Amino acid sequence: MKTLSILIVPALILTLSSCATMTDTQRGTAQGTAIGAGTGAAIGALIGGKKGAAIGAGSGALLGAGAGYMWSQRMEEQKREMETATAGTGVQVTQTEDNRLKLNIPSDISFDTGRADIKPGFRPILDNFATTLISNEGTVVKIIGHTDNTGSDAINNPLSVNRAASTRDYLTSRGVSINRIQIDGRGSREPMAENDTPENRAENRRVEIFVTETQPAPEAAPEVPK
C-alpha cells in the first residue's frame, strides 16, 4: 500500500494543482491520466507487487489520458452545440473546472416573479436543448432552481424546487429520459448578485442547468508478471 501511495498521490496532486491553468481538453486529459495511473497501479499491485504497480500505473496512465482526451473533446463539441442552440437568448453557456457544462437561464426568459410555470420565451430554448441531449445520450443533467431573497424560506425553497421541476418536466415532454435528470432547489441561498436592486434580484431569480458526460473508465491495464 505504501508503493501505491507513492505512485498515486503525486499524480493526483499534479492534476489538481495544474487544472486551473489548463484548457478544457488539457484538463480532461490530465484527469484521465491521474485516474488511469491510480487504477492501473492498484490492479498491478494486486497482480505483481511493486513491479506490477509500477507497470500498471504507466499503462493505466496512457489509457486514462486517451479516455480523458476523448471525453473532453466530446464535451467541447456539445458546448458548441449548446452555444449555437441558445445564441441570442441571453443564456450563458460555460464549462466548469470539473468539466461540466453549465447553462445559466436568466429570469427574464424563464419564470415570472413568484411563479414556476415556464414562460413562452423559454420553450424554444428548451426545445433546442432537448434536441442536443437526445443526440448526446451519454450525458446526465442536474437542474438547480434559485430565487431572490424576497419572501421567506418557506416560500422560496419550494419555489426554487418547483422551477427546476418545471424545467425537467418540459424536457421529458420533449423526449429526454427522466432518468437522466436530477433536480434541486437552493432558494435564495446562492445569489449571483446583492439583493439590493430590482435588477440584481432579477439576476438571482434563475435556473442553472449542469450537463455531465459520464466519463468511461480506463481499460484495465494488461496483466504483468509477478
Protein backbone atom coordinates (compact mmCIF):
# COMPACT_ATOMS: atom_id res chain seq x y z
CA MET A 1 0.00 0.00 0.00
CA LYS A 2 2.96 2.34 0.58
CA THR A 3 4.01 1.81 -3.03
CA LEU A 4 0.52 2.73 -4.20
CA SER A 5 0.61 5.97 -2.21
CA ILE A 6 3.96 6.92 -3.72
CA LEU A 7 2.59 6.38 -7.23
CA ILE A 8 -0.91 7.75 -6.94
CA VAL A 9 -0.63 10.77 -4.65
CA PRO A 10 1.86 12.75 -6.82
CA ALA A 11 -0.30 12.20 -9.89
CA LEU A 12 -3.40 13.46 -8.13
CA ILE A 13 -1.58 16.46 -6.64
CA LEU A 14 -0.17 17.38 -10.05
CA THR A 15 -3.59 17.16 -11.65
CA LEU A 16 -5.35 19.22 -9.00
CA SER A 17 -2.67 21.90 -8.84
CA SER A 18 -2.43 22.44 -12.59
CA CYS A 19 -6.09 22.19 -13.71
CA ALA A 20 -6.79 25.87 -13.15
CA THR A 21 -4.30 26.91 -15.84
CA MET A 22 -5.23 24.25 -18.41
CA THR A 23 -7.53 24.34 -21.39
CA ASP A 24 -10.63 22.17 -21.15
CA THR A 25 -9.06 19.45 -23.29
CA GLN A 26 -5.79 19.52 -21.33
CA ARG A 27 -7.73 19.32 -18.07
CA GLY A 28 -9.68 16.27 -19.19
CA THR A 29 -6.52 14.55 -20.40
CA ALA A 30 -4.70 15.24 -17.13
CA GLN A 31 -7.62 13.99 -15.06
CA GLY A 32 -7.84 10.84 -17.15
CA THR A 33 -4.10 10.29 -16.75
CA ALA A 34 -4.27 10.53 -12.96
CA ILE A 35 -7.33 8.28 -12.73
CA GLY A 36 -5.78 5.75 -15.09
CA ALA A 37 -2.48 5.74 -13.21
CA GLY A 38 -4.21 5.13 -9.91
CA THR A 39 -6.40 2.37 -11.29
CA GLY A 40 -3.51 0.70 -13.10
CA ALA A 41 -1.28 0.85 -10.06
CA ALA A 42 -3.92 -0.75 -7.87
CA ILE A 43 -4.54 -3.56 -10.33
CA GLY A 44 -0.83 -4.08 -10.94
CA ALA A 45 -0.04 -4.22 -7.25
CA LEU A 46 -2.61 -6.92 -6.70
CA ILE A 47 -1.15 -8.95 -9.54
CA GLY A 48 2.56 -8.34 -9.28
CA GLY A 49 3.52 -6.38 -6.17
CA LYS A 50 5.78 -3.32 -6.53
CA LYS A 51 6.88 -4.15 -10.07
CA GLY A 52 3.30 -4.75 -11.12
CA ALA A 53 2.18 -1.48 -9.55
CA ALA A 54 4.77 0.50 -11.50
CA ILE A 55 3.94 -1.16 -14.82
CA GLY A 56 0.20 -0.92 -14.16
CA ALA A 57 0.47 2.78 -13.32
CA GLY A 58 2.23 3.51 -16.58
CA SER A 59 -0.20 1.50 -18.69
CA GLY A 60 -3.19 2.94 -16.87
CA ALA A 61 -1.92 6.49 -17.30
CA LEU A 62 -1.67 6.06 -21.08
CA LEU A 63 -5.14 4.55 -21.32
CA GLY A 64 -6.59 7.15 -18.97
CA ALA A 65 -5.03 10.02 -20.91
CA GLY A 66 -6.65 8.80 -24.12
CA ALA A 67 -10.04 8.39 -22.45
CA GLY A 68 -9.77 11.80 -20.80
CA TYR A 69 -8.88 13.48 -24.10
CA MET A 70 -11.81 11.89 -25.92
CA TRP A 71 -14.15 12.84 -23.07
CA SER A 72 -13.08 16.49 -23.15
CA GLN A 73 -13.38 16.64 -26.91
CA ARG A 74 -16.97 15.41 -26.73
CA MET A 75 -17.81 17.95 -24.02
CA GLU A 76 -16.32 20.79 -26.05
CA GLU A 77 -18.33 19.69 -29.08
CA GLN A 78 -21.52 19.61 -27.03
CA LYS A 79 -20.70 23.05 -25.61
CA ARG A 80 -20.52 24.44 -29.15
CA GLU A 81 -23.86 22.81 -29.97
CA MET A 82 -25.48 24.38 -26.92
CA GLU A 83 -23.98 27.80 -27.64
CA THR A 84 -25.46 27.60 -31.12
CA ALA A 85 -28.82 26.46 -29.76
CA THR A 86 -29.02 29.35 -27.27
CA ALA A 87 -27.37 32.11 -29.34
CA GLY A 88 -29.01 35.49 -28.85
CA THR A 89 -31.23 34.35 -25.98
CA GLY A 90 -29.23 35.66 -23.01
CA VAL A 91 -28.43 32.13 -21.82
CA GLN A 92 -24.81 31.78 -20.73
CA VAL A 93 -23.02 28.51 -21.56
CA THR A 94 -19.78 27.89 -19.67
CA GLN A 95 -17.57 24.93 -18.81
CA THR A 96 -16.76 24.37 -15.15
CA GLU A 97 -13.41 23.32 -13.75
CA ASP A 98 -14.72 19.80 -13.19
CA ASN A 99 -15.58 19.61 -16.91
CA ARG A 100 -19.34 20.06 -16.69
CA LEU A 101 -21.31 22.33 -18.98
CA LYS A 102 -23.34 25.00 -17.20
CA LEU A 103 -26.31 26.84 -18.66
CA ASN A 104 -27.42 29.87 -16.68
CA ILE A 105 -31.04 30.76 -17.54
CA PRO A 106 -31.95 34.35 -16.56
CA SER A 107 -35.34 35.10 -15.05
CA ASP A 108 -36.47 37.46 -17.81
CA ILE A 109 -36.89 34.50 -20.17
CA SER A 110 -37.56 31.66 -17.74
CA PHE A 111 -40.05 32.44 -14.94
CA ASP A 112 -42.16 35.33 -13.72
CA THR A 113 -41.72 36.57 -10.16
CA GLY A 114 -43.16 34.13 -7.65
CA ARG A 115 -44.11 31.59 -10.31
CA ALA A 116 -42.79 28.24 -11.51
CA ASP A 117 -44.57 27.87 -14.84
CA ILE A 118 -42.31 28.22 -17.87
CA LYS A 119 -42.62 31.44 -19.86
CA PRO A 120 -43.27 31.16 -23.62
CA GLY A 121 -39.84 32.58 -24.46
CA PHE A 122 -38.15 29.78 -22.52
CA ARG A 123 -39.77 26.98 -24.52
CA PRO A 124 -37.79 27.30 -27.79
CA ILE A 125 -34.55 27.28 -25.79
CA LEU A 126 -35.58 24.09 -24.02
CA ASP A 127 -36.69 22.59 -27.32
CA ASN A 128 -33.21 23.10 -28.78
CA PHE A 129 -31.58 21.93 -25.56
CA ALA A 130 -33.66 18.75 -25.57
CA THR A 131 -32.50 18.05 -29.12
CA THR A 132 -28.83 18.29 -28.09
CA LEU A 133 -29.47 16.00 -25.12
CA ILE A 134 -31.19 13.39 -27.25
CA SER A 135 -28.28 13.40 -29.69
CA ASN A 136 -25.80 13.03 -26.80
CA GLU A 137 -27.23 10.08 -24.91
CA GLY A 138 -24.18 9.68 -22.66
CA THR A 139 -24.94 12.86 -20.73
CA VAL A 140 -26.82 13.43 -17.47
CA VAL A 141 -28.39 16.68 -16.31
CA LYS A 142 -28.82 18.45 -12.98
CA ILE A 143 -31.21 21.39 -12.81
CA ILE A 144 -30.98 23.82 -9.88
CA GLY A 145 -33.59 26.50 -9.22
CA HIS A 146 -32.89 29.77 -7.41
CA THR A 147 -34.88 32.74 -6.09
CA ASP A 148 -34.13 36.21 -4.81
CA ASN A 149 -34.50 37.00 -1.10
CA THR A 150 -37.97 38.46 -1.37
CA GLY A 151 -40.25 36.44 0.88
CA SER A 152 -39.45 33.75 3.42
CA ASP A 153 -37.56 30.47 3.06
CA ALA A 154 -40.90 28.71 3.46
CA ILE A 155 -41.91 30.26 0.13
CA ASN A 156 -38.58 30.45 -1.69
CA ASN A 157 -37.28 26.94 -1.04
CA PRO A 158 -40.22 25.06 -2.60
CA LEU A 159 -40.48 27.69 -5.35
CA SER A 160 -36.89 27.05 -6.42
CA VAL A 161 -37.51 23.28 -6.50
CA ASN A 162 -40.72 23.76 -8.47
CA ARG A 163 -38.87 25.85 -11.07
CA ALA A 164 -36.33 23.08 -11.51
CA ALA A 165 -39.13 20.51 -11.70
CA SER A 166 -40.98 22.50 -14.37
CA THR A 167 -37.81 22.63 -16.46
CA ARG A 168 -37.31 18.89 -16.05
CA ASP A 169 -40.90 18.11 -16.94
CA TYR A 170 -40.69 20.19 -20.11
CA LEU A 171 -37.52 18.38 -21.21
CA THR A 172 -39.09 14.98 -20.57
CA SER A 173 -42.13 16.04 -22.61
CA ARG A 174 -39.70 16.57 -25.48
CA GLY A 175 -38.28 13.05 -25.24
CA VAL A 176 -35.45 13.32 -22.72
CA SER A 177 -35.49 10.39 -20.28
CA ILE A 178 -36.40 11.42 -16.75
CA ASN A 179 -33.74 9.01 -15.50
CA ARG A 180 -31.08 11.36 -16.89
CA ILE A 181 -32.29 14.39 -14.93
CA GLN A 182 -31.85 15.36 -11.28
CA ILE A 183 -33.34 18.48 -9.73
CA ASP A 184 -32.58 20.62 -6.70
CA GLY A 185 -33.62 23.98 -5.29
CA ARG A 186 -31.41 26.40 -3.38
CA GLY A 187 -33.98 29.06 -2.52
CA SER A 188 -32.21 32.40 -2.04
CA ARG A 189 -29.07 30.85 -0.51
CA GLU A 190 -26.76 31.22 -3.54
CA PRO A 191 -27.27 34.69 -5.03
CA MET A 192 -25.24 35.83 -8.04
CA ALA A 193 -25.62 39.48 -7.00
CA GLU A 194 -26.65 41.54 -3.99
CA ASN A 195 -30.40 41.59 -3.48
CA ASP A 196 -30.36 45.39 -3.26
CA THR A 197 -31.97 46.45 -6.54
CA PRO A 198 -34.76 45.11 -8.76
CA GLU A 199 -32.18 44.33 -11.45
CA ASN A 200 -29.98 42.33 -9.08
CA ARG A 201 -32.93 40.45 -7.64
CA ALA A 202 -33.97 39.54 -11.18
CA GLU A 203 -30.44 38.19 -11.78
CA ASN A 204 -30.78 35.96 -8.73
CA ARG A 205 -34.10 34.50 -9.89
CA ARG A 206 -32.72 31.92 -12.25
CA VAL A 207 -32.33 28.30 -13.23
CA GLU A 208 -28.92 26.67 -13.69
CA ILE A 209 -28.55 23.51 -15.76
CA PHE A 210 -25.43 21.37 -15.45
CA VAL A 211 -24.63 18.76 -18.09
CA THR A 212 -22.14 15.99 -17.38
CA GLU A 213 -20.95 13.26 -19.70
CA THR A 214 -20.28 10.02 -17.91
CA GLN A 215 -16.55 9.50 -18.39
CA PRO A 216 -15.70 5.94 -19.42
CA ALA A 217 -13.45 4.15 -17.01
CA PRO A 218 -9.95 3.48 -18.36
CA GLU A 219 -9.49 -0.03 -19.70
CA ALA A 220 -7.80 -2.41 -17.33
CA ALA A 221 -4.01 -2.42 -17.53
CA PRO A 222 -2.54 -5.57 -19.03
CA GLU A 223 -1.58 -8.36 -16.70
CA VAL A 224 2.03 -8.13 -15.57
CA PRO A 225 4.37 -10.90 -14.43
CA LYS A 226 4.89 -11.50 -10.74
